[in-house]
Protein backbone atom coordinates (compact mmCIF):
# COMPACT_ATOMS: atom_id res chain seq x y z
CA MET A 1 181.47 -71.76 46.89
CA VAL A 2 182.08 -69.35 44.02
CA PRO A 3 178.92 -68.49 42.09
CA GLU A 4 179.30 -69.20 38.36
CA PRO A 5 182.98 -70.25 38.56
CA ALA A 6 183.45 -70.46 34.79
CA GLU A 7 182.28 -66.87 34.34
CA GLN A 8 184.42 -65.66 37.25
CA TRP A 9 187.49 -67.47 35.90
CA ALA A 10 186.90 -65.93 32.46
CA ARG A 11 187.09 -62.46 34.03
CA VAL A 12 190.28 -63.28 35.92
CA ARG A 13 191.80 -64.92 32.86
CA SER A 14 191.11 -61.86 30.70
CA VAL A 15 193.08 -59.65 33.12
CA LEU A 16 195.96 -62.14 33.27
CA ASP A 17 196.04 -62.27 29.48
CA LEU A 18 196.26 -58.47 29.26
CA VAL A 19 199.11 -58.41 31.78
CA ALA A 20 200.95 -61.18 29.95
CA GLU A 21 200.62 -59.38 26.61
CA GLY A 22 201.85 -56.13 28.13
CA ASN A 23 199.60 -53.97 26.00
CA GLY A 24 196.13 -52.57 26.00
CA GLY A 25 195.44 -49.19 27.50
CA PHE A 26 196.03 -48.85 31.20
CA LEU A 27 198.37 -51.86 31.32
CA GLU A 28 200.80 -50.35 28.82
CA ASP A 29 203.06 -48.90 31.54
CA LEU A 30 202.81 -52.07 33.63
CA ARG A 31 204.34 -54.36 31.01
CA PRO A 32 205.96 -57.33 32.77
CA ARG A 33 209.73 -57.29 32.76
CA ALA A 34 212.25 -60.01 33.55
CA SER A 35 212.23 -61.05 37.22
CA THR A 36 208.89 -59.47 38.04
CA VAL A 37 205.79 -60.85 39.71
CA THR A 38 202.23 -59.82 38.98
CA MET A 39 199.87 -60.25 41.92
CA PHE A 40 196.32 -59.32 42.67
CA GLY A 41 193.90 -60.26 45.40
CA LEU A 42 190.84 -62.42 45.02
CA GLU A 43 189.57 -62.37 48.58
CA HIS A 44 189.82 -60.35 51.77
CA ILE A 45 192.37 -61.29 54.40
CA PRO A 46 192.88 -59.76 57.85
CA LEU A 47 195.46 -56.98 58.01
CA SER A 48 197.49 -59.05 60.49
CA THR A 49 197.74 -61.87 57.92
CA PHE A 50 198.78 -59.42 55.20
CA ARG A 51 201.42 -57.94 57.48
CA ALA A 52 202.71 -61.42 58.34
CA LEU A 53 203.13 -62.18 54.63
CA LEU A 54 204.94 -58.89 54.06
CA THR A 55 207.23 -59.64 57.00
CA ARG A 56 207.91 -63.18 55.78
CA PHE A 57 209.09 -61.79 52.44
CA ARG A 58 210.52 -58.57 53.87
CA GLY A 59 213.29 -58.31 51.28
CA ASP A 60 210.75 -57.89 48.49
CA ASN A 61 208.20 -55.89 50.48
CA ALA A 62 210.07 -53.34 52.58
CA ARG A 63 208.15 -50.36 51.18
CA ALA A 64 204.75 -52.04 51.53
CA LEU A 65 205.60 -53.06 55.10
CA GLU A 66 206.49 -49.45 55.89
CA LEU A 67 203.11 -48.33 54.62
CA VAL A 68 201.22 -50.96 56.63
CA ASP A 69 203.11 -50.08 59.80
C-alpha cells in the first residue's frame, strides 16, 4: 500500500506536467518531441526483469541493452 497516495500522486503529476509543458529549468532541453516517450520508474525491479524488457523492445533500446550487458 502506498502511504498518502494523494500526496504521492501530486508529486508524480507535477513532474509529468513539467515534462508535458516542455519548460521550466532542467527540463528545458528535454522538451518532448513528436514520436517520443517519457518514462520514469516508480519502483525497483530486478535487473533480469529490466533486461528482459529491454530485449523485448530491442529496436528501441539497443543502446540501453548494451550498457546493461
